[in-house]
């Protein structure tokens, strides 16, 4: 019987569009203005620098690092607030959180930096549902949700892997990794290309999946 339900954030509860706008539109525009470049020129240079660092480095996810690196004149908070209207929660996300909050402690486990988590939870109003919010990159300085990351979460929550249910849209880091250590994991595939007992196409399906476990 599960005691805690854990959710991924981007692509699971919240649309990923906001992060794309910040990294691929907002930062290049500020750099273009600072250097007197066209947007396309600035974006090409920005993306090149992103790629030099790569997804394997914590800095890749750190908005503060990139503002220092490019010596941008505006604050990262101001930039995020400018694109706040791009933050959009999935309808099924609000539904399932509302349905489960009275039955289980809810936890958010995200790869996103704390700065992104905070504004996305605030704008969507989803922050109120969670008893704990964890950022792999900001809180544990790891770039992926590894087995060690999930083990640390279990330690903090004082629970065993088998007592946690985790849901997310990344097949490896939200499904295979937690499943390998005994966490009851569900893979969210909104494209509906996959199916199976542990696959969800809509978060509303989670409640039905949980009942046999709970019973």
N, C-alpha and C. Protein backbone atom coordinates (compact mmCIF):
# COMPACT_ATOMS: atom_id res chain seq x y z
N UNK A 1 0.84 -1.20 0.00
CA UNK A 1 0.00 0.00 0.00
C UNK A 1 0.87 1.25 0.00
N UNK A 2 0.68 2.15 -0.95
CA UNK A 2 1.52 3.36 -1.02
C UNK A 2 1.21 4.31 0.13
N UNK A 3 2.26 4.96 0.62
CA UNK A 3 2.08 5.95 1.67
C UNK A 3 2.29 7.37 1.15
N UNK A 4 3.07 7.49 0.08
CA UNK A 4 3.42 8.80 -0.47
C UNK A 4 3.33 8.75 -1.98
N UNK A 5 2.80 9.82 -2.59
CA UNK A 5 2.75 9.92 -4.05
C UNK A 5 3.69 11.04 -4.49
N UNK A 6 4.57 10.71 -5.43
CA UNK A 6 5.55 11.67 -5.94
C UNK A 6 5.26 11.99 -7.40
N UNK A 7 5.36 13.27 -7.75
CA UNK A 7 5.13 13.71 -9.13
C UNK A 7 6.34 14.45 -9.67
N UNK A 8 6.62 14.22 -10.94
CA UNK A 8 7.54 15.06 -11.70
C UNK A 8 6.80 16.36 -12.02
N UNK A 9 7.53 17.40 -12.49
CA UNK A 9 6.86 18.67 -12.77
C UNK A 9 6.71 18.93 -14.28
N UNK A 10 7.79 19.35 -14.95
CA UNK A 10 7.69 19.75 -16.35
C UNK A 10 7.34 18.56 -17.24
N UNK A 11 6.29 18.72 -18.03
CA UNK A 11 5.83 17.66 -18.90
C UNK A 11 4.85 16.71 -18.23
N UNK A 12 4.75 16.80 -16.91
CA UNK A 12 3.84 15.95 -16.14
C UNK A 12 2.69 16.76 -15.58
N UNK A 13 3.01 17.74 -14.74
CA UNK A 13 1.99 18.61 -14.17
C UNK A 13 1.88 19.93 -14.91
N UNK A 14 3.01 20.40 -15.43
CA UNK A 14 3.09 21.72 -16.07
C UNK A 14 3.68 21.56 -17.46
N UNK A 15 3.11 22.27 -18.42
CA UNK A 15 3.63 22.28 -19.78
C UNK A 15 5.05 22.83 -19.79
N UNK A 16 5.91 22.29 -20.64
CA UNK A 16 7.32 22.69 -20.68
C UNK A 16 7.57 23.98 -21.46
N UNK A 17 6.53 24.60 -22.00
CA UNK A 17 6.68 25.76 -22.87
C UNK A 17 7.40 26.91 -22.17
N UNK A 18 7.11 27.14 -20.91
CA UNK A 18 7.71 28.26 -20.18
C UNK A 18 9.23 28.19 -20.18
N UNK A 19 9.78 27.03 -19.88
CA UNK A 19 11.23 26.90 -19.81
C UNK A 19 11.86 27.16 -21.18
N UNK A 20 11.22 26.70 -22.24
CA UNK A 20 11.73 26.95 -23.59
C UNK A 20 11.76 28.45 -23.90
N UNK A 21 10.71 29.15 -23.50
CA UNK A 21 10.66 30.59 -23.74
C UNK A 21 11.77 31.32 -23.00
N UNK A 22 12.02 30.93 -21.77
CA UNK A 22 13.06 31.59 -20.97
C UNK A 22 14.44 31.36 -21.58
N UNK A 23 14.77 30.09 -21.85
CA UNK A 23 16.12 29.76 -22.33
C UNK A 23 16.37 30.15 -23.78
N UNK A 24 15.36 29.99 -24.62
CA UNK A 24 15.58 30.14 -26.07
C UNK A 24 15.03 31.42 -26.66
N UNK A 25 14.33 32.21 -25.86
CA UNK A 25 13.82 33.50 -26.34
C UNK A 25 14.29 34.63 -25.41
N UNK A 26 14.04 34.46 -24.13
CA UNK A 26 14.37 35.52 -23.18
C UNK A 26 15.85 35.82 -23.06
N UNK A 27 16.64 34.79 -22.80
CA UNK A 27 18.08 34.99 -22.65
C UNK A 27 18.72 35.51 -23.94
N UNK A 28 18.42 34.94 -25.11
CA UNK A 28 18.98 35.49 -26.35
C UNK A 28 18.59 36.95 -26.60
N UNK A 29 17.38 37.34 -26.27
CA UNK A 29 16.96 38.73 -26.48
C UNK A 29 17.77 39.68 -25.60
N UNK A 30 18.01 39.30 -24.36
CA UNK A 30 18.81 40.15 -23.48
C UNK A 30 20.24 40.25 -23.98
N UNK A 31 20.77 39.14 -24.46
CA UNK A 31 22.15 39.13 -24.96
C UNK A 31 22.27 39.94 -26.25
N UNK A 32 21.26 39.82 -27.11
CA UNK A 32 21.25 40.59 -28.36
C UNK A 32 21.25 42.08 -28.06
N UNK A 33 20.45 42.49 -27.11
CA UNK A 33 20.37 43.90 -26.73
C UNK A 33 21.69 44.39 -26.15
N UNK A 34 22.32 43.56 -25.35
CA UNK A 34 23.58 43.94 -24.71
C UNK A 34 24.72 44.08 -25.72
N UNK A 35 24.75 43.16 -26.70
CA UNK A 35 25.87 43.11 -27.64
C UNK A 35 25.58 43.78 -28.98
N UNK A 36 24.35 44.27 -29.18
CA UNK A 36 24.01 44.89 -30.45
C UNK A 36 23.92 43.89 -31.59
N UNK A 37 23.45 42.69 -31.29
CA UNK A 37 23.33 41.64 -32.29
C UNK A 37 21.87 41.45 -32.70
N UNK A 38 21.67 40.77 -33.82
CA UNK A 38 20.31 40.37 -34.17
C UNK A 38 19.90 39.23 -33.25
N UNK A 39 18.60 38.99 -33.15
CA UNK A 39 18.13 37.91 -32.29
C UNK A 39 18.71 36.57 -32.74
N UNK A 40 18.70 36.31 -34.05
CA UNK A 40 19.19 35.03 -34.56
C UNK A 40 20.67 34.83 -34.26
N UNK A 41 21.46 35.90 -34.40
CA UNK A 41 22.89 35.82 -34.09
C UNK A 41 23.10 35.51 -32.61
N UNK A 42 22.37 36.23 -31.78
CA UNK A 42 22.50 36.03 -30.33
C UNK A 42 22.06 34.62 -29.93
N UNK A 43 20.96 34.17 -30.49
CA UNK A 43 20.47 32.84 -30.14
C UNK A 43 21.46 31.76 -30.52
N UNK A 44 22.08 31.89 -31.69
CA UNK A 44 23.07 30.90 -32.13
C UNK A 44 24.25 30.84 -31.16
N UNK A 45 24.70 32.01 -30.72
CA UNK A 45 25.82 32.06 -29.77
C UNK A 45 25.42 31.49 -28.41
N UNK A 46 24.22 31.84 -27.97
CA UNK A 46 23.72 31.36 -26.68
C UNK A 46 23.61 29.84 -26.67
N UNK A 47 22.98 29.30 -27.70
CA UNK A 47 22.79 27.85 -27.78
C UNK A 47 24.14 27.13 -27.84
N UNK A 48 25.09 27.73 -28.55
CA UNK A 48 26.44 27.14 -28.63
C UNK A 48 27.07 27.04 -27.24
N UNK A 49 26.90 28.09 -26.44
CA UNK A 49 27.45 28.07 -25.08
C UNK A 49 26.72 27.07 -24.20
N UNK A 50 25.41 26.98 -24.37
CA UNK A 50 24.65 25.96 -23.63
C UNK A 50 25.23 24.57 -23.92
N UNK A 51 25.45 24.31 -25.20
CA UNK A 51 25.90 22.98 -25.62
C UNK A 51 27.32 22.67 -25.15
N UNK A 52 28.14 23.71 -25.03
CA UNK A 52 29.50 23.50 -24.51
C UNK A 52 29.46 22.97 -23.08
N UNK A 53 28.53 23.48 -22.30
CA UNK A 53 28.37 23.03 -20.92
C UNK A 53 27.71 21.65 -20.89
N UNK A 54 26.61 21.50 -21.64
CA UNK A 54 25.96 20.20 -21.79
C UNK A 54 25.03 19.83 -20.64
N UNK A 55 24.11 18.95 -20.95
CA UNK A 55 23.09 18.53 -19.98
C UNK A 55 23.67 17.76 -18.80
N UNK A 56 24.92 17.30 -18.94
CA UNK A 56 25.53 16.55 -17.86
C UNK A 56 26.10 17.40 -16.74
N UNK A 57 26.05 18.72 -16.90
CA UNK A 57 26.57 19.64 -15.88
C UNK A 57 25.43 20.33 -15.16
N UNK A 58 25.60 20.54 -13.86
CA UNK A 58 24.57 21.21 -13.07
C UNK A 58 24.32 22.63 -13.59
N UNK A 59 25.38 23.26 -14.12
CA UNK A 59 25.26 24.64 -14.61
C UNK A 59 24.23 24.77 -15.73
N UNK A 60 24.04 23.71 -16.50
CA UNK A 60 23.07 23.72 -17.60
C UNK A 60 21.69 24.18 -17.12
N UNK A 61 21.34 23.83 -15.90
CA UNK A 61 20.00 24.08 -15.35
C UNK A 61 19.94 25.34 -14.49
N UNK A 62 21.08 26.02 -14.32
CA UNK A 62 21.20 27.11 -13.34
C UNK A 62 21.06 28.47 -14.01
N UNK A 63 19.88 29.08 -13.90
CA UNK A 63 19.63 30.37 -14.53
C UNK A 63 20.55 31.45 -13.98
N UNK A 64 20.90 31.37 -12.70
CA UNK A 64 21.81 32.36 -12.10
C UNK A 64 23.20 32.27 -12.73
N UNK A 65 23.65 31.05 -12.97
CA UNK A 65 24.95 30.85 -13.61
C UNK A 65 25.00 31.52 -14.98
N UNK A 66 23.97 31.32 -15.78
CA UNK A 66 23.98 31.85 -17.14
C UNK A 66 23.85 33.37 -17.15
N UNK A 67 23.14 33.94 -16.22
CA UNK A 67 23.07 35.40 -16.15
C UNK A 67 24.44 35.99 -15.80
N UNK A 68 25.18 35.30 -14.93
CA UNK A 68 26.54 35.75 -14.63
C UNK A 68 27.46 35.53 -15.82
N UNK A 69 27.34 34.38 -16.46
CA UNK A 69 28.21 34.04 -17.57
C UNK A 69 28.08 35.03 -18.72
N UNK A 70 26.86 35.37 -19.08
CA UNK A 70 26.62 36.30 -20.19
C UNK A 70 26.61 37.76 -19.74
N UNK A 71 26.75 37.98 -18.42
CA UNK A 71 26.78 39.33 -17.85
C UNK A 71 25.56 40.15 -18.31
N UNK A 72 24.40 39.56 -18.16
CA UNK A 72 23.17 40.21 -18.61
C UNK A 72 22.77 41.32 -17.65
N UNK A 73 22.19 42.36 -18.21
CA UNK A 73 21.88 43.56 -17.43
C UNK A 73 20.62 43.42 -16.58
N UNK A 74 19.72 42.58 -17.00
CA UNK A 74 18.46 42.40 -16.28
C UNK A 74 18.59 41.27 -15.27
N UNK A 75 17.70 41.20 -14.30
CA UNK A 75 17.74 40.09 -13.35
C UNK A 75 16.97 38.89 -13.90
N UNK A 76 17.37 37.72 -13.45
CA UNK A 76 16.69 36.50 -13.90
C UNK A 76 15.24 36.49 -13.40
N UNK A 77 14.99 37.07 -12.25
CA UNK A 77 13.62 37.12 -11.74
C UNK A 77 12.72 37.94 -12.66
N UNK A 78 13.24 39.08 -13.11
CA UNK A 78 12.46 39.94 -14.02
C UNK A 78 12.15 39.21 -15.31
N UNK A 79 13.14 38.49 -15.82
CA UNK A 79 12.94 37.74 -17.07
C UNK A 79 11.86 36.67 -16.89
N UNK A 80 11.95 35.93 -15.81
CA UNK A 80 10.94 34.88 -15.58
C UNK A 80 9.55 35.46 -15.44
N UNK A 81 9.45 36.57 -14.74
CA UNK A 81 8.14 37.20 -14.55
C UNK A 81 7.56 37.66 -15.89
N UNK A 82 8.43 38.09 -16.82
CA UNK A 82 7.97 38.54 -18.13
C UNK A 82 7.30 37.40 -18.90
N UNK A 83 7.79 36.18 -18.68
CA UNK A 83 7.26 35.03 -19.42
C UNK A 83 6.28 34.20 -18.59
N UNK A 84 5.87 34.73 -17.46
CA UNK A 84 5.00 33.97 -16.56
C UNK A 84 3.69 33.56 -17.22
N UNK A 85 3.25 34.34 -18.22
CA UNK A 85 2.00 34.00 -18.90
C UNK A 85 2.14 32.75 -19.77
N UNK A 86 3.38 32.27 -19.94
CA UNK A 86 3.61 31.04 -20.70
C UNK A 86 3.50 29.79 -19.83
N UNK A 87 3.36 30.00 -18.53
CA UNK A 87 3.24 28.86 -17.62
C UNK A 87 1.81 28.33 -17.65
N UNK A 88 1.69 27.06 -17.94
CA UNK A 88 0.36 26.46 -18.07
C UNK A 88 0.34 25.07 -17.45
N UNK A 89 -0.55 24.87 -16.50
CA UNK A 89 -0.70 23.56 -15.86
C UNK A 89 -1.64 22.70 -16.69
N UNK A 90 -1.34 21.42 -16.74
CA UNK A 90 -2.26 20.49 -17.39
C UNK A 90 -3.53 20.35 -16.54
N UNK A 91 -4.66 20.32 -17.20
CA UNK A 91 -5.94 20.22 -16.48
C UNK A 91 -6.01 18.96 -15.63
N UNK A 92 -5.49 17.86 -16.16
CA UNK A 92 -5.54 16.62 -15.40
C UNK A 92 -4.62 16.66 -14.18
N UNK A 93 -3.63 17.57 -14.21
CA UNK A 93 -2.74 17.72 -13.07
C UNK A 93 -3.47 18.27 -11.86
N UNK A 94 -4.19 19.36 -12.06
CA UNK A 94 -4.99 19.93 -10.98
C UNK A 94 -6.00 18.92 -10.46
N UNK A 95 -6.61 18.20 -11.38
CA UNK A 95 -7.65 17.23 -11.00
C UNK A 95 -7.08 16.16 -10.08
N UNK A 96 -5.97 15.54 -10.48
CA UNK A 96 -5.45 14.42 -9.69
C UNK A 96 -4.88 14.88 -8.36
N UNK A 97 -4.26 16.06 -8.33
CA UNK A 97 -3.74 16.57 -7.06
C UNK A 97 -4.87 16.85 -6.07
N UNK A 98 -5.93 17.41 -6.58
CA UNK A 98 -7.09 17.71 -5.73
C UNK A 98 -7.71 16.41 -5.19
N UNK A 99 -7.73 15.40 -6.04
CA UNK A 99 -8.34 14.12 -5.64
C UNK A 99 -7.49 13.37 -4.61
N UNK A 100 -6.16 13.49 -4.73
CA UNK A 100 -5.29 12.68 -3.90
C UNK A 100 -4.81 13.36 -2.62
N UNK A 101 -4.93 14.68 -2.56
CA UNK A 101 -4.30 15.41 -1.45
C UNK A 101 -4.82 15.00 -0.08
N UNK A 102 -6.08 14.56 0.01
CA UNK A 102 -6.64 14.18 1.31
C UNK A 102 -6.27 12.74 1.70
N UNK A 103 -5.82 11.97 0.72
CA UNK A 103 -5.54 10.55 0.98
C UNK A 103 -4.06 10.27 1.20
N UNK A 104 -3.20 11.07 0.55
CA UNK A 104 -1.76 10.81 0.61
C UNK A 104 -0.97 12.10 0.80
N UNK A 105 0.19 12.01 1.46
CA UNK A 105 1.15 13.12 1.38
C UNK A 105 1.67 13.17 -0.06
N UNK A 106 1.74 14.36 -0.63
CA UNK A 106 2.19 14.52 -2.01
C UNK A 106 3.56 15.19 -2.04
N UNK A 107 4.41 14.70 -2.95
CA UNK A 107 5.78 15.19 -3.06
C UNK A 107 6.07 15.55 -4.51
N UNK A 108 6.77 16.66 -4.73
CA UNK A 108 7.22 17.04 -6.07
C UNK A 108 8.71 16.75 -6.16
N UNK A 109 9.11 15.97 -7.16
CA UNK A 109 10.52 15.66 -7.38
C UNK A 109 10.87 16.04 -8.80
N UNK A 110 11.60 17.13 -8.96
CA UNK A 110 11.86 17.68 -10.28
C UNK A 110 13.35 17.83 -10.55
N UNK A 111 13.69 17.76 -11.83
CA UNK A 111 15.05 18.02 -12.27
C UNK A 111 15.29 19.52 -12.43
N UNK A 112 14.23 20.29 -12.50
CA UNK A 112 14.33 21.74 -12.73
C UNK A 112 15.00 22.44 -11.55
N UNK A 113 15.61 23.59 -11.85
CA UNK A 113 16.19 24.40 -10.79
C UNK A 113 15.10 24.96 -9.89
N UNK A 114 15.47 25.26 -8.67
CA UNK A 114 14.53 25.77 -7.68
C UNK A 114 13.83 27.04 -8.17
N UNK A 115 14.53 27.88 -8.94
CA UNK A 115 13.95 29.13 -9.43
C UNK A 115 12.76 28.86 -10.35
N UNK A 116 12.89 27.84 -11.21
CA UNK A 116 11.79 27.47 -12.11
C UNK A 116 10.65 26.83 -11.33
N UNK A 117 11.00 25.95 -10.40
CA UNK A 117 9.96 25.28 -9.60
C UNK A 117 9.12 26.31 -8.86
N UNK A 118 9.79 27.26 -8.22
CA UNK A 118 9.07 28.23 -7.38
C UNK A 118 8.05 29.03 -8.18
N UNK A 119 8.45 29.56 -9.35
CA UNK A 119 7.52 30.39 -10.11
C UNK A 119 6.42 29.54 -10.74
N UNK A 120 6.75 28.33 -11.19
CA UNK A 120 5.73 27.48 -11.80
C UNK A 120 4.70 27.01 -10.78
N UNK A 121 5.16 26.69 -9.59
CA UNK A 121 4.23 26.29 -8.53
C UNK A 121 3.37 27.47 -8.08
N UNK A 122 3.96 28.66 -8.05
CA UNK A 122 3.23 29.85 -7.62
C UNK A 122 2.15 30.24 -8.64
N UNK A 123 2.54 30.31 -9.91
CA UNK A 123 1.61 30.74 -10.96
C UNK A 123 0.47 29.74 -11.14
N UNK A 124 0.79 28.45 -11.09
CA UNK A 124 -0.26 27.43 -11.29
C UNK A 124 -1.09 27.19 -10.03
N UNK A 125 -0.59 27.63 -8.89
CA UNK A 125 -1.28 27.36 -7.64
C UNK A 125 -1.12 25.94 -7.14
N UNK A 126 -0.20 25.19 -7.77
CA UNK A 126 -0.03 23.79 -7.39
C UNK A 126 0.83 23.59 -6.14
N UNK A 127 1.59 24.60 -5.79
CA UNK A 127 2.49 24.45 -4.65
C UNK A 127 1.78 24.06 -3.37
N UNK A 128 0.55 24.48 -3.24
CA UNK A 128 -0.20 24.23 -1.99
C UNK A 128 -0.51 22.75 -1.77
N UNK A 129 -0.41 21.96 -2.82
CA UNK A 129 -0.74 20.55 -2.69
C UNK A 129 0.38 19.72 -2.07
N UNK A 130 1.61 20.24 -2.12
CA UNK A 130 2.76 19.39 -1.80
C UNK A 130 3.29 19.58 -0.39
N UNK A 131 3.57 18.45 0.25
CA UNK A 131 4.18 18.45 1.58
C UNK A 131 5.69 18.69 1.48
N UNK A 132 6.29 18.22 0.40
CA UNK A 132 7.72 18.41 0.16
C UNK A 132 7.95 18.67 -1.32
N UNK A 133 8.90 19.55 -1.62
CA UNK A 133 9.29 19.82 -3.00
C UNK A 133 10.81 19.68 -3.09
N UNK A 134 11.27 18.82 -4.01
CA UNK A 134 12.69 18.55 -4.15
C UNK A 134 13.17 18.88 -5.56
N UNK A 135 14.31 19.57 -5.65
CA UNK A 135 14.97 19.84 -6.92
C UNK A 135 16.27 19.05 -6.97
N UNK A 136 16.40 18.17 -7.96
CA UNK A 136 17.62 17.37 -8.07
C UNK A 136 18.85 18.26 -8.22
N UNK A 137 18.72 19.29 -9.08
CA UNK A 137 19.87 20.14 -9.37
C UNK A 137 20.18 21.13 -8.25
N UNK A 138 19.17 21.76 -7.70
CA UNK A 138 19.39 22.78 -6.67
C UNK A 138 19.64 22.19 -5.28
N UNK A 139 18.92 21.14 -4.93
CA UNK A 139 19.00 20.59 -3.58
C UNK A 139 20.06 19.52 -3.42
N UNK A 140 20.34 18.78 -4.50
CA UNK A 140 21.27 17.65 -4.39
C UNK A 140 22.46 17.75 -5.35
N UNK A 141 22.46 18.78 -6.20
CA UNK A 141 23.55 19.02 -7.15
C UNK A 141 23.80 17.81 -8.06
N UNK A 142 22.73 17.16 -8.45
CA UNK A 142 22.81 16.09 -9.44
C UNK A 142 21.93 16.49 -10.63
N UNK A 143 22.32 16.05 -11.82
CA UNK A 143 21.64 16.53 -13.01
C UNK A 143 20.52 15.60 -13.48
N UNK A 144 20.47 14.43 -12.92
CA UNK A 144 19.41 13.49 -13.30
C UNK A 144 18.84 12.85 -12.05
N UNK A 145 17.63 12.38 -12.17
CA UNK A 145 17.01 11.69 -11.04
C UNK A 145 17.50 10.24 -11.01
N UNK A 146 18.66 10.06 -10.40
CA UNK A 146 19.31 8.76 -10.32
C UNK A 146 18.75 7.95 -9.15
N UNK A 147 19.19 6.69 -9.05
CA UNK A 147 18.78 5.85 -7.92
C UNK A 147 19.23 6.49 -6.60
N UNK A 148 20.42 7.09 -6.61
CA UNK A 148 20.92 7.75 -5.40
C UNK A 148 20.01 8.91 -5.00
N UNK A 149 19.53 9.65 -5.99
CA UNK A 149 18.61 10.76 -5.72
C UNK A 149 17.34 10.25 -5.04
N UNK A 150 16.75 9.20 -5.61
CA UNK A 150 15.52 8.66 -5.03
C UNK A 150 15.78 8.08 -3.63
N UNK A 151 16.97 7.49 -3.44
CA UNK A 151 17.31 6.94 -2.13
C UNK A 151 17.41 8.05 -1.09
N UNK A 152 17.98 9.18 -1.49
CA UNK A 152 18.06 10.32 -0.58
C UNK A 152 16.67 10.84 -0.22
N UNK A 153 15.78 10.85 -1.20
CA UNK A 153 14.41 11.29 -0.95
C UNK A 153 13.74 10.35 0.07
N UNK A 154 13.95 9.05 -0.11
CA UNK A 154 13.38 8.09 0.83
C UNK A 154 13.91 8.33 2.24
N UNK A 155 15.21 8.65 2.33
CA UNK A 155 15.81 8.91 3.63
C UNK A 155 15.20 10.13 4.29
N UNK A 156 15.03 11.20 3.52
CA UNK A 156 14.44 12.43 4.06
C UNK A 156 13.00 12.20 4.51
N UNK A 157 12.28 11.42 3.71
CA UNK A 157 10.87 11.16 4.02
C UNK A 157 10.68 10.04 5.03
N UNK A 158 11.81 9.38 5.38
CA UNK A 158 11.77 8.27 6.34
C UNK A 158 10.77 7.19 5.90
N UNK A 159 10.94 6.77 4.66
CA UNK A 159 10.05 5.75 4.11
C UNK A 159 10.84 4.81 3.22
N UNK A 160 10.29 3.65 2.96
CA UNK A 160 10.92 2.67 2.09
C UNK A 160 10.49 2.91 0.64
N UNK A 161 11.35 2.54 -0.34
CA UNK A 161 10.98 2.71 -1.75
C UNK A 161 9.63 2.11 -2.10
N UNK A 162 9.33 0.95 -1.54
CA UNK A 162 8.07 0.28 -1.85
C UNK A 162 6.83 0.99 -1.35
N UNK A 163 7.03 2.02 -0.53
CA UNK A 163 5.89 2.78 0.00
C UNK A 163 5.63 4.05 -0.79
N UNK A 164 6.39 4.24 -1.88
CA UNK A 164 6.25 5.45 -2.70
C UNK A 164 5.75 5.10 -4.09
N UNK A 165 4.85 5.91 -4.59
CA UNK A 165 4.43 5.87 -5.99
C UNK A 165 4.99 7.11 -6.66
N UNK A 166 5.63 6.94 -7.83
CA UNK A 166 6.15 8.09 -8.56
C UNK A 166 5.58 8.12 -9.97
N UNK A 167 5.26 9.32 -10.45
CA UNK A 167 4.68 9.51 -11.78
C UNK A 167 5.47 10.58 -12.52
N UNK A 168 5.85 10.28 -13.77
CA UNK A 168 6.55 11.28 -14.56
C UNK A 168 6.60 10.91 -16.03
N UNK A 169 7.04 11.86 -16.85
CA UNK A 169 6.99 11.68 -18.30
C UNK A 169 8.32 11.29 -18.93
N UNK A 170 9.38 11.11 -18.13
CA UNK A 170 10.67 10.68 -18.68
C UNK A 170 10.80 9.18 -18.44
N UNK A 171 10.90 8.42 -19.53
CA UNK A 171 10.85 6.97 -19.42
C UNK A 171 11.96 6.40 -18.54
N UNK A 172 13.16 6.96 -18.68
CA UNK A 172 14.28 6.43 -17.89
C UNK A 172 14.25 6.93 -16.45
N UNK A 173 14.22 8.25 -16.29
CA UNK A 173 14.43 8.82 -14.96
C UNK A 173 13.16 8.91 -14.10
N UNK A 174 12.01 8.81 -14.72
CA UNK A 174 10.76 8.79 -13.95
C UNK A 174 10.14 7.40 -13.86
N UNK A 175 10.65 6.48 -14.67
CA UNK A 175 10.05 5.15 -14.67
C UNK A 175 11.06 4.04 -14.40
N UNK A 176 12.04 3.88 -15.29
CA UNK A 176 12.97 2.77 -15.14
C UNK A 176 13.81 2.86 -13.87
N UNK A 177 14.36 4.05 -13.60
CA UNK A 177 15.23 4.20 -12.42
C UNK A 177 14.47 3.97 -11.11
N UNK A 178 13.36 4.67 -10.87
CA UNK A 178 12.65 4.41 -9.60
C UNK A 178 12.13 2.98 -9.51
N UNK A 179 11.69 2.44 -10.62
CA UNK A 179 11.16 1.07 -10.63
C UNK A 179 12.25 0.07 -10.25
N UNK A 180 13.49 0.34 -10.69
CA UNK A 180 14.60 -0.58 -10.43
C UNK A 180 14.92 -0.70 -8.94
N UNK A 181 14.51 0.28 -8.16
CA UNK A 181 14.81 0.24 -6.72
C UNK A 181 13.57 -0.02 -5.87
N UNK A 182 12.49 -0.43 -6.52
CA UNK A 182 11.32 -0.86 -5.78
C UNK A 182 10.21 0.16 -5.63
N UNK A 183 10.39 1.34 -6.22
CA UNK A 183 9.33 2.34 -6.20
C UNK A 183 8.26 1.96 -7.22
N UNK A 184 7.01 2.10 -6.88
CA UNK A 184 5.92 1.85 -7.82
C UNK A 184 5.86 3.03 -8.79
N UNK A 185 6.37 2.86 -9.99
CA UNK A 185 6.48 3.96 -10.94
C UNK A 185 5.48 3.83 -12.07
N UNK A 186 4.94 4.98 -12.47
CA UNK A 186 4.04 5.05 -13.62
C UNK A 186 4.63 6.02 -14.64
N UNK A 187 4.66 5.58 -15.88
CA UNK A 187 5.19 6.39 -16.98
C UNK A 187 4.04 7.13 -17.65
N UNK A 188 4.11 8.46 -17.66
CA UNK A 188 3.08 9.27 -18.30
C UNK A 188 3.44 9.52 -19.75
N UNK A 189 2.66 8.98 -20.65
CA UNK A 189 2.90 9.14 -22.09
C UNK A 189 1.68 9.82 -22.71
N UNK A 190 1.75 11.14 -22.77
CA UNK A 190 0.62 11.90 -23.30
C UNK A 190 0.42 11.69 -24.80
N UNK A 191 1.43 11.16 -25.48
CA UNK A 191 1.30 10.90 -26.92
C UNK A 191 0.47 9.66 -27.21
N UNK A 192 0.23 8.87 -26.17
CA UNK A 192 -0.55 7.62 -26.27
C UNK A 192 0.09 6.60 -27.21
N UNK A 193 1.41 6.66 -27.34
CA UNK A 193 2.12 5.70 -28.20
C UNK A 193 2.41 4.39 -27.47
N UNK A 194 2.41 4.45 -26.15
CA UNK A 194 2.70 3.26 -25.36
C UNK A 194 1.50 2.88 -24.50
N UNK A 195 1.44 1.63 -24.13
CA UNK A 195 0.36 1.20 -23.24
C UNK A 195 0.88 0.10 -22.32
N UNK A 196 0.13 -0.17 -21.30
CA UNK A 196 0.54 -1.18 -20.32
C UNK A 196 0.01 -0.80 -18.95
N UNK A 197 0.15 -1.71 -18.00
CA UNK A 197 -0.38 -1.48 -16.66
C UNK A 197 0.28 -0.31 -15.96
N UNK A 198 1.54 -0.02 -16.32
CA UNK A 198 2.27 1.06 -15.65
C UNK A 198 2.40 2.31 -16.52
N UNK A 199 1.57 2.40 -17.56
CA UNK A 199 1.59 3.55 -18.46
C UNK A 199 0.30 4.34 -18.31
N UNK A 200 0.43 5.66 -18.20
CA UNK A 200 -0.73 6.55 -18.13
C UNK A 200 -0.72 7.46 -19.35
N UNK A 201 -1.87 7.70 -19.94
CA UNK A 201 -1.98 8.70 -21.01
C UNK A 201 -2.60 9.98 -20.47
N UNK A 202 -3.17 9.90 -19.29
CA UNK A 202 -3.84 11.02 -18.63
C UNK A 202 -3.68 10.81 -17.13
N UNK A 203 -3.33 11.87 -16.41
CA UNK A 203 -3.12 11.73 -14.97
C UNK A 203 -4.37 11.29 -14.22
N UNK A 204 -5.52 11.54 -14.80
CA UNK A 204 -6.76 11.11 -14.15
C UNK A 204 -6.84 9.59 -14.03
N UNK A 205 -6.06 8.89 -14.89
CA UNK A 205 -6.05 7.43 -14.82
C UNK A 205 -5.33 6.92 -13.58
N UNK A 206 -4.52 7.77 -12.96
CA UNK A 206 -3.73 7.32 -11.81
C UNK A 206 -4.60 6.86 -10.65
N UNK A 207 -5.68 7.57 -10.40
CA UNK A 207 -6.55 7.21 -9.28
C UNK A 207 -7.09 5.79 -9.44
N UNK A 208 -7.48 5.47 -10.64
CA UNK A 208 -8.00 4.11 -10.91
C UNK A 208 -6.89 3.07 -10.73
N UNK A 209 -5.67 3.42 -11.15
CA UNK A 209 -4.54 2.50 -11.01
C UNK A 209 -4.18 2.28 -9.54
N UNK A 210 -4.35 3.31 -8.74
CA UNK A 210 -3.96 3.22 -7.33
C UNK A 210 -4.92 2.38 -6.51
N UNK A 211 -6.16 2.32 -6.89
CA UNK A 211 -7.15 1.61 -6.07
C UNK A 211 -6.81 0.15 -5.84
N UNK A 212 -6.40 -0.60 -6.87
CA UNK A 212 -6.03 -2.00 -6.61
C UNK A 212 -4.85 -2.10 -5.65
N UNK A 213 -3.93 -1.11 -5.76
CA UNK A 213 -2.77 -1.12 -4.86
C UNK A 213 -3.23 -0.86 -3.44
N UNK A 214 -4.06 0.19 -3.30
CA UNK A 214 -4.52 0.59 -1.97
C UNK A 214 -5.39 -0.48 -1.32
N UNK A 215 -6.15 -1.14 -2.16
CA UNK A 215 -7.07 -2.15 -1.62
C UNK A 215 -6.33 -3.45 -1.27
